[in-house]
């Protein structure tokens, strides 16, 4: 059984797109949620294995547009935790 863990980062809007790209490149991310300063969900998108290139480009464009509009935000990342499968 695969467990998931959540991790949050508070970053400035201008660093949002860069951080999202870094997280996607890690490969073990199941879902990314972007919240504003007050905790309101602005954007949430699931990531599946093999989501790259042209399929993911519209999401990155939306994240870039959002980054231009907000000052500070929180990214919550749901990661797959495979440690439960190892024996």
Protein backbone atom coordinates (compact mmCIF):
# COMPACT_ATOMS: atom_id res chain seq x y z
CA UNK A 1 0.00 0.00 0.00
CA UNK A 2 1.33 3.42 -0.95
CA UNK A 3 0.99 6.11 1.68
CA UNK A 4 1.11 9.82 0.99
CA UNK A 5 2.63 12.67 2.95
CA UNK A 6 1.90 16.38 2.76
CA UNK A 7 4.45 19.16 2.83
CA UNK A 8 3.89 22.93 2.61
CA UNK A 9 6.09 25.77 1.39
CA UNK A 10 5.43 29.52 1.73
CA UNK A 11 6.98 31.43 -1.16
CA UNK A 12 6.76 34.74 -2.98
CA UNK A 13 4.68 34.85 -6.16
CA UNK A 14 7.67 35.46 -8.43
CA UNK A 15 9.20 32.13 -7.30
CA UNK A 16 6.00 30.13 -7.70
CA UNK A 17 6.52 28.86 -11.25
CA UNK A 18 10.14 27.89 -10.56
CA UNK A 19 9.16 25.93 -7.43
CA UNK A 20 6.30 24.13 -9.20
CA UNK A 21 8.67 23.09 -12.01
CA UNK A 22 11.19 21.79 -9.44
CA UNK A 23 8.49 19.78 -7.70
CA UNK A 24 7.22 18.27 -10.95
CA UNK A 25 10.75 17.23 -11.90
CA UNK A 26 11.10 15.32 -8.61
CA UNK A 27 8.60 12.81 -9.94
CA UNK A 28 7.05 11.51 -6.71
CA UNK A 29 4.37 14.21 -6.45
CA UNK A 30 0.70 13.17 -6.53
CA UNK A 31 -0.98 16.56 -6.15
CA UNK A 32 -0.04 20.24 -5.87
CA UNK A 33 -2.34 22.80 -4.25
CA UNK A 34 -1.69 26.55 -4.26
CA UNK A 35 -3.22 28.63 -1.46
CA UNK A 36 -3.28 32.39 -0.91
CA UNK A 37 -2.13 34.06 2.33
CA UNK A 38 -5.50 33.54 3.99
CA UNK A 39 -5.54 29.82 3.15
CA UNK A 40 -8.04 30.01 0.30
CA UNK A 41 -7.37 27.44 -2.43
CA UNK A 42 -6.44 29.18 -5.67
CA UNK A 43 -5.42 26.20 -7.77
CA UNK A 44 -5.08 22.47 -7.35
CA UNK A 45 -3.91 19.91 -9.87
CA UNK A 46 -3.11 16.22 -9.71
CA UNK A 47 0.08 14.84 -11.22
CA UNK A 48 0.23 11.37 -12.66
CA UNK A 49 3.21 9.40 -13.84
CA UNK A 50 4.24 10.57 -17.29
CA UNK A 51 2.64 14.03 -17.18
CA UNK A 52 5.22 16.08 -19.04
CA UNK A 53 5.70 18.36 -22.01
CA UNK A 54 2.69 19.50 -24.02
CA UNK A 55 0.19 17.91 -21.64
CA UNK A 56 1.48 19.89 -18.67
CA UNK A 57 2.22 23.16 -20.52
CA UNK A 58 -1.28 24.69 -19.99
CA UNK A 59 -1.02 24.08 -16.24
CA UNK A 60 2.38 25.81 -16.11
CA UNK A 61 0.94 28.74 -18.09
CA UNK A 62 -1.88 29.07 -15.55
CA UNK A 63 0.60 28.89 -12.65
CA UNK A 64 2.69 31.62 -14.32
CA UNK A 65 -0.36 33.86 -14.71
CA UNK A 66 -1.34 33.26 -11.10
CA UNK A 67 2.19 34.07 -9.93
CA UNK A 68 1.96 37.47 -11.61
CA UNK A 69 -1.18 38.29 -9.62
CA UNK A 70 -0.29 37.19 -6.09
CA UNK A 71 2.33 38.40 -3.65
CA UNK A 72 2.81 35.46 -1.33
CA UNK A 73 1.33 31.98 -1.38
CA UNK A 74 1.61 28.53 0.10
CA UNK A 75 2.18 25.39 -1.95
CA UNK A 76 0.95 22.15 -0.42
CA UNK A 77 2.46 19.05 -1.97
CA UNK A 78 1.11 15.53 -1.59
CA UNK A 79 3.92 13.05 -2.14
CA UNK A 80 3.89 9.31 -2.59
CA UNK A 81 5.67 7.64 0.30
CA UNK A 82 6.96 4.24 -0.86
CA UNK A 83 8.71 3.45 2.41
CA UNK A 84 5.71 1.37 3.47
CA UNK A 85 6.36 -1.04 0.57
CA UNK A 86 9.99 -1.78 1.44
CA UNK A 87 10.81 -4.79 3.59
